[in-house]
C-alpha atoms as a PDB file:
ATOM      1  CA  MET A   1     -60.732 -91.923  38.998  1.00  0.00           C
ATOM      2  CA  GLY A   2     -64.383 -91.076  38.287  1.00  0.00           C
ATOM      3  CA  GLN A   3     -66.923 -93.307  36.607  1.00  0.00           C
ATOM      4  CA  GLN A   4     -66.372 -93.356  32.864  1.00  0.00           C
ATOM      5  CA  VAL A   5     -69.155 -91.671  30.922  1.00  0.00           C
ATOM      6  CA  MET A   6     -70.520 -93.723  28.040  1.00  0.00           C
ATOM      7  CA  TYR A   7     -72.128 -92.285  24.957  1.00  0.00           C
ATOM      8  CA  TYR A   8     -73.938 -95.341  23.722  1.00  0.00           C
ATOM      9  CA  ILE A   9     -76.761 -94.240  21.408  1.00  0.00           C
ATOM     10  CA  PRO A  10     -79.820 -96.527  21.278  1.00  0.00           C
ATOM     11  CA  GLU A  11     -81.238 -97.179  17.827  1.00  0.00           C
ATOM     12  CA  GLU A  12     -84.424 -95.205  18.543  1.00  0.00           C
ATOM     13  CA  ASN A  13     -82.380 -92.073  19.391  1.00  0.00           C
ATOM     14  CA  LYS A  14     -79.986 -92.064  16.434  1.00  0.00           C
ATOM     15  CA  HIS A  15     -82.273 -90.051  14.151  1.00  0.00           C
ATOM     16  CA  GLU A  16     -82.798 -87.222  16.633  1.00  0.00           C
ATOM     17  CA  ILE A  17     -79.063 -87.075  17.403  1.00  0.00           C
ATOM     18  CA  LEU A  18     -78.387 -86.750  13.666  1.00  0.00           C
ATOM     19  CA  LYS A  19     -80.917 -83.899  13.467  1.00  0.00           C
ATOM     20  CA  VAL A  20     -79.152 -82.080  16.310  1.00  0.00           C
ATOM     21  CA  LYS A  21     -75.803 -82.489  14.542  1.00  0.00           C
ATOM     22  CA  ASN A  22     -77.302 -81.021  11.364  1.00  0.00           C
ATOM     23  CA  LEU A  23     -78.767 -78.114  13.328  1.00  0.00           C
ATOM     24  CA  ILE A  24     -75.374 -77.359  14.890  1.00  0.00           C
ATOM     25  CA  GLU A  25     -73.752 -77.326  11.457  1.00  0.00           C
ATOM     26  CA  LYS A  26     -76.479 -74.976  10.214  1.00  0.00           C
ATOM     27  CA  ILE A  27     -75.787 -72.260  12.811  1.00  0.00           C
ATOM     28  CA  ARG A  28     -73.851 -69.302  11.435  1.00  0.00           C
ATOM     29  CA  TRP A  29     -75.646 -66.283  12.881  1.00  0.00           C
ATOM     30  CA  GLY A  30     -79.003 -65.996  14.604  1.00  0.00           C
ATOM     31  CA  ILE A  31     -81.014 -68.727  16.242  1.00  0.00           C
ATOM     32  CA  GLU A  32     -82.282 -72.194  15.344  1.00  0.00           C
ATOM     33  CA  TYR A  33     -84.820 -74.332  17.194  1.00  0.00           C
ATOM     34  CA  SER A  34     -84.872 -78.118  17.272  1.00  0.00           C
ATOM     35  CA  ASP A  35     -87.992 -80.244  17.402  1.00  0.00           C
ATOM     36  CA  PHE A  36     -88.865 -81.788  20.763  1.00  0.00           C
ATOM     37  CA  LEU A  37     -86.006 -83.991  21.921  1.00  0.00           C
ATOM     38  CA  SER A  38     -85.889 -86.897  24.353  1.00  0.00           C
ATOM     39  CA  PRO A  39     -83.997 -86.387  27.635  1.00  0.00           C
ATOM     40  CA  PHE A  40     -81.282 -88.672  26.291  1.00  0.00           C
ATOM     41  CA  ALA A  41     -80.795 -86.540  23.153  1.00  0.00           C
ATOM     42  CA  ILE A  42     -80.646 -83.332  25.214  1.00  0.00           C
ATOM     43  CA  LYS A  43     -78.095 -84.871  27.569  1.00  0.00           C
ATOM     44  CA  TYR A  44     -75.975 -86.133  24.667  1.00  0.00           C
ATOM     45  CA  ALA A  45     -76.128 -82.800  22.847  1.00  0.00           C
ATOM     46  CA  VAL A  46     -75.188 -80.729  25.899  1.00  0.00           C
ATOM     47  CA  ASP A  47     -72.525 -83.034  27.344  1.00  0.00           C
ATOM     48  CA  PHE A  48     -70.909 -84.111  24.117  1.00  0.00           C
ATOM     49  CA  LEU A  49     -71.824 -82.262  20.915  1.00  0.00           C
ATOM     50  CA  LEU A  50     -72.021 -78.704  22.222  1.00  0.00           C
ATOM     51  CA  LYS A  51     -68.917 -78.970  24.408  1.00  0.00           C
ATOM     52  CA  LYS A  52     -66.932 -78.996  21.178  1.00  0.00           C
ATOM     53  CA  GLU A  53     -68.523 -75.768  19.930  1.00  0.00           C
ATOM     54  CA  ASN A  54     -67.035 -72.563  21.336  1.00  0.00           C
ATOM     55  CA  GLN A  55     -69.177 -70.235  19.237  1.00  0.00           C
ATOM     56  CA  ILE A  56     -72.561 -71.858  19.794  1.00  0.00           C
ATOM     57  CA  LEU A  57     -74.668 -71.256  22.901  1.00  0.00           C
ATOM     58  CA  TYR A  58     -77.901 -72.961  23.864  1.00  0.00           C
ATOM     59  CA  LYS A  59     -81.046 -72.798  25.966  1.00  0.00           C
ATOM     60  CA  ILE A  60     -83.591 -75.505  26.695  1.00  0.00           C
ATOM     61  CA  TRP A  61     -87.338 -75.234  27.207  1.00  0.00           C
ATOM     62  CA  GLY A  62     -90.299 -77.583  26.968  1.00  0.00           C
ATOM     63  CA  GLY A  63     -93.206 -75.335  27.871  1.00  0.00           C
ATOM     64  CA  TYR A  64     -92.985 -75.445  31.670  1.00  0.00           C
ATOM     65  CA  GLU A  65     -90.422 -75.741  34.452  1.00  0.00           C
ATOM     66  CA  GLY A  66     -89.159 -79.291  34.837  1.00  0.00           C
ATOM     67  CA  SER A  67     -90.338 -80.568  31.455  1.00  0.00           C
ATOM     68  CA  GLU A  68     -88.888 -83.862  30.257  1.00  0.00           C
ATOM     69  CA  ARG A  69     -89.054 -83.474  26.471  1.00  0.00           C
ATOM     70  CA  ASN A  70     -87.565 -80.145  25.425  1.00  0.00           C
ATOM     71  CA  ILE A  71     -86.722 -77.946  22.480  1.00  0.00           C
ATOM     72  CA  LEU A  72     -83.084 -76.983  22.076  1.00  0.00           C
ATOM     73  CA  ALA A  73     -82.511 -73.360  21.056  1.00  0.00           C
ATOM     74  CA  LEU A  74     -79.097 -72.866  19.467  1.00  0.00           C
ATOM     75  CA  PHE A  75     -77.652 -69.447  18.756  1.00  0.00           C
ATOM     76  CA  SER A  76     -74.324 -67.967  17.779  1.00  0.00           C
ATOM     77  CA  ARG A  77     -72.276 -66.199  20.452  1.00  0.00           C
ATOM     78  CA  ASP A  78     -72.688 -62.815  18.736  1.00  0.00           C
ATOM     79  CA  PHE A  79     -76.457 -63.266  19.031  1.00  0.00           C
ATOM     80  CA  GLU A  80     -76.338 -63.740  22.815  1.00  0.00           C
ATOM     81  CA  GLU A  81     -77.638 -60.294  23.750  1.00  0.00           C
ATOM     82  CA  TYR A  82     -80.768 -60.877  21.641  1.00  0.00           C
ATOM     83  CA  ALA A  83     -81.441 -64.290  23.183  1.00  0.00           C
ATOM     84  CA  GLU A  84     -82.463 -63.123  26.647  1.00  0.00           C
ATOM     85  CA  ASN A  85     -86.188 -63.554  25.950  1.00  0.00           C
ATOM     86  CA  LEU A  86     -86.551 -66.286  23.389  1.00  0.00           C
ATOM     87  CA  THR A  87     -89.961 -67.084  21.938  1.00  0.00           C
ATOM     88  CA  TYR A  88     -90.038 -70.856  21.647  1.00  0.00           C
ATOM     89  CA  PRO A  89     -92.256 -72.386  18.918  1.00  0.00           C
ATOM     90  CA  ILE A  90     -94.438 -74.163  21.481  1.00  0.00           C
ATOM     91  CA  LYS A  91     -98.195 -74.187  21.929  1.00  0.00           C
ATOM     92  CA  THR A  92    -100.141 -75.743  24.800  1.00  0.00           C
ATOM     93  CA  ILE A  93    -103.161 -77.887  23.976  1.00  0.00           C
ATOM     94  CA  LEU A  94    -105.837 -78.525  26.612  1.00  0.00           C
ATOM     95  CA  ILE A  95    -107.816 -81.721  26.084  1.00  0.00           C
ATOM     96  CA  GLU A  96    -111.111 -82.109  27.917  1.00  0.00           C
ATOM     97  CA  ALA A  97    -113.177 -85.295  28.107  1.00  0.00           C
ATOM     98  CA  LYS A  98    -116.028 -86.774  30.154  1.00  0.00           C
ATOM     99  CA  ASP A  99    -114.147 -89.903  31.166  1.00  0.00           C
ATOM    100  CA  LYS A 100    -110.598 -90.602  32.316  1.00  0.00           C
ATOM    101  CA  LEU A 101    -107.764 -90.054  29.855  1.00  0.00           C
ATOM    102  CA  PHE A 102    -104.491 -91.966  29.648  1.00  0.00           C
ATOM    103  CA  HIS A 103    -101.072 -90.847  28.423  1.00  0.00           C
ATOM    104  CA  ARG A 104    -100.659 -93.719  25.949  1.00  0.00           C
ATOM    105  CA  GLN A 105    -104.100 -93.062  24.438  1.00  0.00           C
ATOM    106  CA  VAL A 106    -103.398 -89.358  23.932  1.00  0.00           C
ATOM    107  CA  LEU A 107    -100.026 -90.034  22.322  1.00  0.00           C
ATOM    108  CA  GLY A 108    -101.471 -92.838  20.182  1.00  0.00           C
ATOM    109  CA  SER A 109    -104.296 -90.648  18.922  1.00  0.00           C
ATOM    110  CA  PHE A 110    -101.935 -87.827  17.981  1.00  0.00           C
ATOM    111  CA  ILE A 111     -99.573 -90.136  16.113  1.00  0.00           C
ATOM    112  CA  GLY A 112    -102.538 -91.936  14.539  1.00  0.00           C
ATOM    113  CA  ASN A 113    -103.623 -88.585  13.125  1.00  0.00           C
ATOM    114  CA  GLY A 114    -100.281 -88.174  11.355  1.00  0.00           C
ATOM    115  CA  ILE A 115     -98.447 -86.016  13.900  1.00  0.00           C
ATOM    116  CA  LYS A 116     -94.804 -87.019  14.244  1.00  0.00           C
ATOM    117  CA  ARG A 117     -93.438 -87.829  17.693  1.00  0.00           C
ATOM    118  CA  ASP A 118     -90.835 -85.060  17.533  1.00  0.00           C
ATOM    119  CA  LYS A 119     -93.599 -82.459  17.210  1.00  0.00           C
ATOM    120  CA  ILE A 120     -95.027 -83.558  20.577  1.00  0.00           C
ATOM    121  CA  GLY A 121     -93.506 -82.611  23.911  1.00  0.00           C
ATOM    122  CA  ASP A 122     -94.719 -83.660  27.347  1.00  0.00           C
ATOM    123  CA  ILE A 123     -98.214 -85.004  27.890  1.00  0.00           C
ATOM    124  CA  LEU A 124     -99.586 -84.293  31.369  1.00  0.00           C
ATOM    125  CA  VAL A 125    -102.749 -86.227  32.200  1.00  0.00           C
ATOM    126  CA  LYS A 126    -105.014 -85.723  35.198  1.00  0.00           C
ATOM    127  CA  GLU A 127    -108.340 -87.553  35.351  1.00  0.00           C
ATOM    128  CA  ASN A 128    -110.472 -86.386  32.404  1.00  0.00           C
ATOM    129  CA  SER A 129    -108.175 -83.644  31.108  1.00  0.00           C
ATOM    130  CA  ALA A 130    -104.688 -83.362  29.681  1.00  0.00           C
ATOM    131  CA  LEU A 131    -102.123 -80.758  28.708  1.00  0.00           C
ATOM    132  CA  VAL A 132    -100.025 -81.470  25.635  1.00  0.00           C
ATOM    133  CA  PHE A 133     -97.078 -79.310  24.589  1.00  0.00           C
ATOM    134  CA  VAL A 134     -96.602 -79.285  20.813  1.00  0.00           C
ATOM    135  CA  LYS A 135     -94.671 -77.450  18.118  1.00  0.00           C
ATOM    136  CA  ASP A 136     -96.742 -74.467  17.037  1.00  0.00           C
ATOM    137  CA  GLU A 137     -96.795 -75.693  13.433  1.00  0.00           C
ATOM    138  CA  VAL A 138     -99.138 -78.570  14.351  1.00  0.00           C
ATOM    139  CA  ALA A 139    -101.323 -76.847  16.968  1.00  0.00           C
ATOM    140  CA  THR A 140    -104.056 -75.628  14.609  1.00  0.00           C
ATOM    141  CA  TYR A 141    -104.234 -79.015  12.906  1.00  0.00           C
ATOM    142  CA  ILE A 142    -104.750 -80.701  16.275  1.00  0.00           C
ATOM    143  CA  VAL A 143    -107.617 -78.507  17.469  1.00  0.00           C
ATOM    144  CA  THR A 144    -109.252 -78.699  14.046  1.00  0.00           C
ATOM    145  CA  ASN A 145    -108.963 -82.438  13.421  1.00  0.00           C
ATOM    146  CA  ILE A 146    -108.719 -84.334  16.708  1.00  0.00           C
ATOM    147  CA  ASP A 147    -112.075 -84.810  18.410  1.00  0.00           C
ATOM    148  CA  LYS A 148    -111.551 -88.306  19.801  1.00  0.00           C
ATOM    149  CA  ILE A 149    -108.986 -89.962  22.047  1.00  0.00           C
ATOM    150  CA  GLY A 150    -109.549 -93.671  21.562  1.00  0.00           C
ATOM    151  CA  LYS A 151    -113.346 -93.971  21.622  1.00  0.00           C
ATOM    152  CA  GLU A 152    -113.730 -90.979  23.925  1.00  0.00           C
ATOM    153  CA  LYS A 153    -115.061 -87.751  22.425  1.00  0.00           C
ATOM    154  CA  VAL A 154    -112.862 -84.810  23.426  1.00  0.00           C
ATOM    155  CA  LYS A 155    -112.483 -81.087  23.010  1.00  0.00           C
ATOM    156  CA  CYS A 156    -109.023 -79.736  22.091  1.00  0.00           C
ATOM    157  CA  SER A 157    -108.168 -76.060  22.479  1.00  0.00           C
ATOM    158  CA  ILE A 158    -105.052 -73.905  22.471  1.00  0.00           C
ATOM    159  CA  VAL A 159    -104.516 -72.197  25.830  1.00  0.00           C
ATOM    160  CA  ARG A 160    -102.143 -69.574  27.151  1.00  0.00           C
ATOM    161  CA  ASP A 161     -99.847 -70.215  30.116  1.00  0.00           C
ATOM    162  CA  ASN A 162    -101.977 -68.147  32.484  1.00  0.00           C
ATOM    163  CA  GLU A 163    -105.211 -69.888  31.495  1.00  0.00           C
ATOM    164  CA  VAL A 164    -104.463 -73.215  33.209  1.00  0.00           C
ATOM    165  CA  ASP A 165    -103.068 -74.196  36.590  1.00  0.00           C
ATOM    166  CA  ILE A 166    -100.245 -76.485  35.560  1.00  0.00           C
ATOM    167  CA  LYS A 167     -99.674 -77.572  39.165  1.00  0.00           C
ATOM    168  CA  TYR A 168    -103.020 -79.363  38.979  1.00  0.00           C
ATOM    169  CA  PHE A 169    -101.451 -81.865  36.588  1.00  0.00           C
ATOM    170  CA  PHE A 170     -98.508 -82.641  38.896  1.00  0.00           C
ATOM    171  CA  SER A 171    -100.362 -84.349  41.732  1.00  0.00           C
ATOM    172  CA  ASN A 172     -99.833 -87.794  40.200  1.00  0.00           C
ATOM    173  CA  GLU A 173     -96.328 -88.665  41.362  1.00  0.00           C
ATOM    174  CA  GLY A 174     -94.747 -92.074  41.237  1.00  0.00           C
ATOM    175  CA  LYS A 175     -95.275 -94.842  43.758  1.00  0.00           C
ATOM    176  CA  ARG A 176     -93.134 -94.163  46.835  1.00  0.00           C
ATOM    177  CA  ILE A 177     -91.404 -97.232  48.229  1.00  0.00           C
ATOM    178  CA  THR A 178     -88.695 -97.831  50.830  1.00  0.00           C
ATOM    179  CA  TYR A 179     -86.385-100.830  50.875  1.00  0.00           C
ATOM    180  CA  THR A 180     -82.914-101.869  51.986  1.00  0.00           C
ATOM    181  CA  VAL A 181     -79.935-102.918  49.862  1.00  0.00           C
ATOM    182  CA  ALA A 182     -76.557-104.376  50.737  1.00  0.00           C
ATOM    183  CA  SER A 183     -74.893-101.633  48.662  1.00  0.00           C
ATOM    184  CA  LEU A 184     -75.822 -98.873  46.243  1.00  0.00           C
ATOM    185  CA  ARG A 185     -74.800-100.909  43.201  1.00  0.00           C
ATOM    186  CA  ALA A 186     -77.049-100.406  40.185  1.00  0.00           C
ATOM    187  CA  ASP A 187     -78.020-104.081  39.923  1.00  0.00           C
ATOM    188  CA  SER A 188     -79.032-104.232  43.591  1.00  0.00           C
ATOM    189  CA  VAL A 189     -81.088-101.019  43.488  1.00  0.00           C
ATOM    190  CA  ILE A 190     -82.856-102.082  40.276  1.00  0.00           C
ATOM    191  CA  SER A 191     -83.501-105.619  41.512  1.00  0.00           C
ATOM    192  CA  HIS A 192     -85.296-104.463  44.653  1.00  0.00           C
ATOM    193  CA  GLY A 193     -86.966-101.484  42.972  1.00  0.00           C
ATOM    194  CA  PHE A 194     -88.665-103.514  40.238  1.00  0.00           C
ATOM    195  CA  GLY A 195     -88.989-106.856  42.006  1.00  0.00           C
ATOM    196  CA  ILE A 196     -86.711-108.776  39.642  1.00  0.00           C
ATOM    197  CA  SER A 197     -83.705-110.966  40.369  1.00  0.00           C
ATOM    198  CA  ARG A 198     -80.303-109.372  40.736  1.00  0.00           C
ATOM    199  CA  GLU A 199     -79.063-111.554  37.876  1.00  0.00           C
ATOM    200  CA  GLU A 200     -81.827-110.251  35.608  1.00  0.00           C
ATOM    201  CA  ALA A 201     -81.007-106.664  36.606  1.00  0.00           C
ATOM    202  CA  ALA A 202     -77.330-107.258  35.825  1.00  0.00           C
ATOM    203  CA  ASP A 203     -78.228-108.731  32.408  1.00  0.00           C
ATOM    204  CA  LEU A 204     -80.325-105.664  31.559  1.00  0.00           C
ATOM    205  CA  ILE A 205     -77.365-103.441  32.404  1.00  0.00           C
ATOM    206  CA  ARG A 206     -74.934-105.483  30.293  1.00  0.00           C
ATOM    207  CA  GLN A 207     -77.426-105.354  27.393  1.00  0.00           C
ATOM    208  CA  MET A 208     -77.315-101.524  27.529  1.00  0.00           C
ATOM    209  CA  LYS A 209     -80.934-101.251  28.607  1.00  0.00           C
ATOM    210  CA  VAL A 210     -80.280 -99.157  31.711  1.00  0.00           C
ATOM    211  CA  ALA A 211     -79.505 -95.435  31.845  1.00  0.00           C
ATOM    212  CA  VAL A 212     -78.604 -93.393  34.913  1.00  0.00           C
ATOM    213  CA  ASN A 213     -79.440 -89.715  34.460  1.00  0.00           C
ATOM    214  CA  TRP A 214     -79.882 -90.459  30.727  1.00  0.00           C
ATOM    215  CA  ILE A 215     -76.407 -91.965  30.293  1.00  0.00           C
ATOM    216  CA  TYR A 216     -76.342 -95.685  29.487  1.00  0.00           C
ATOM    217  CA  ILE A 217     -74.258 -97.890  31.757  1.00  0.00           C
ATOM    218  CA  ASP A 218     -72.813-101.375  31.202  1.00  0.00           C
ATOM    219  CA  LYS A 219     -71.464-102.292  34.649  1.00  0.00           C
ATOM    220  CA  PRO A 220     -73.779-103.854  37.280  1.00  0.00           C
ATOM    221  CA  SER A 221     -71.516-102.361  39.961  1.00  0.00           C
ATOM    222  CA  TYR A 222     -72.162 -98.781  38.780  1.00  0.00           C
ATOM    223  CA  PRO A 223     -72.567 -96.667  41.985  1.00  0.00           C
ATOM    224  CA  ILE A 224     -75.983 -95.069  42.530  1.00  0.00           C
ATOM    225  CA  LYS A 225     -76.439 -91.941  44.650  1.00  0.00           C
ATOM    226  CA  GLU A 226     -79.245 -89.835  46.028  1.00  0.00           C
ATOM    227  CA  GLY A 227     -81.051 -87.864  43.322  1.00  0.00           C
ATOM    228  CA  ASP A 228     -80.220 -90.284  40.492  1.00  0.00           C
ATOM    229  CA  LEU A 229     -82.883 -91.189  37.940  1.00  0.00           C
ATOM    230  CA  ILE A 230     -82.611 -94.769  36.698  1.00  0.00           C
ATOM    231  CA  SER A 231     -84.395 -95.702  33.463  1.00  0.00           C
ATOM    232  CA  VAL A 232     -84.835 -99.400  32.702  1.00  0.00           C
ATOM    233  CA  ARG A 233     -86.248-100.275  29.306  1.00  0.00           C
ATOM    234  CA  HIS A 234     -89.614-102.091  29.475  1.00  0.00           C
ATOM    235  CA  HIS A 235     -89.748-101.710  33.261  1.00  0.00           C
ATOM    236  CA  GLY A 236     -89.962 -97.985  34.024  1.00  0.00           C
ATOM    237  CA  ARG A 237     -87.976 -95.542  36.108  1.00  0.00           C
ATOM    238  CA  LEU A 238     -86.711 -95.161  39.641  1.00  0.00           C
ATOM    239  CA  LYS A 239     -85.894 -91.812  41.231  1.00  0.00           C
ATOM    240  CA  ILE A 240     -83.620 -92.192  44.272  1.00  0.00           C
ATOM    241  CA  ASP A 241     -85.360 -89.684  46.496  1.00  0.00           C
ATOM    242  CA  LYS A 242     -83.484 -90.294  49.747  1.00  0.00           C
ATOM    243  CA  VAL A 243     -80.606 -92.430  50.967  1.00  0.00           C
ATOM    244  CA  LEU A 244     -81.508 -93.089  54.575  1.00  0.00           C
ATOM    245  CA  THR A 245     -79.535 -94.525  57.490  1.00  0.00           C
ATOM    246  CA  GLN A 246     -77.855 -97.903  57.635  1.00  0.00           C
ATOM    247  CA  THR A 247     -79.655-100.701  59.464  1.00  0.00           C
ATOM    248  CA  LYS A 248     -78.109-102.577  62.384  1.00  0.00           C
ATOM    249  CA  LYS A 249     -77.082-105.289  59.937  1.00  0.00           C
ATOM    250  CA  GLY A 250     -75.229-102.776  57.790  1.00  0.00           C
ATOM    251  CA  ARG A 251     -77.776-102.594  54.966  1.00  0.00           C
ATOM    252  CA  ILE A 252     -78.668 -99.235  53.420  1.00  0.00           C
ATOM    253  CA  SER A 253     -82.254 -98.007  53.526  1.00  0.00           C
ATOM    254  CA  ILE A 254     -83.382 -95.985  50.500  1.00  0.00           C
ATOM    255  CA  GLU A 255     -86.588 -94.237  49.554  1.00  0.00           C
ATOM    256  CA  VAL A 256     -87.460 -94.191  45.864  1.00  0.00           C
ATOM    257  CA  LEU A 257     -90.198 -93.043  43.516  1.00  0.00           C
ATOM    258  CA  ARG A 258     -91.114 -95.704  40.976  1.00  0.00           C
ATOM    259  CA  PHE A 259     -92.716 -94.734  37.696  1.00  0.00           C
ATOM    260  CA  SER A 260     -94.141 -97.422  35.426  1.00  0.00           C
END
């Protein structure tokens, strides 16, 4: 038997799940776009809500390949032929500053200026510049009203896809670490990956604070495999990049990317 999939919904995700449910009920003919959704909400919608709908199709896009926060495009089956080249309601904002920018500062400034979180997609920061993907309805407001990030004076402008090299913003990957575990149990991988006790890791799992590939787990023995993304609330994320060979003592060597 396979591992049972859980559909535990954290409190902070309940509102966006409700909005997706309402959007699904709204579809009759044509196309509807969601706001930006968390990876958890996308996973829940695709694996659970939309599997029940035979007449509703979907596509996902967040402004670039591999985006984390995405917009869900829902359309009726009889609209499929018109949905080959969807125009998503997304604009890209380039922020330029003299000093270094930080993700939390950019997000805080946007929200502090009255922009709701679900109107903001991914924020890619590299040194003194950032790309922010937003719903098109707030783009003009942003470039007109936001001239500071924290205390730093900035310039915000709307740019087209071919006007920026998005790969430039991807050079900041997580910290790469290699360690050995007795087994690929979730509590063991998390314990070594974040430098906490195995008991603490197990408690976090039982408290529904750990998700594997955006599905919450409640068993410390949950099996982890290569390619899995583990999210631990208040600690960060681990991407299991490679499961390497066993050591002479029978331990398993793994290579992970850790994101704080």
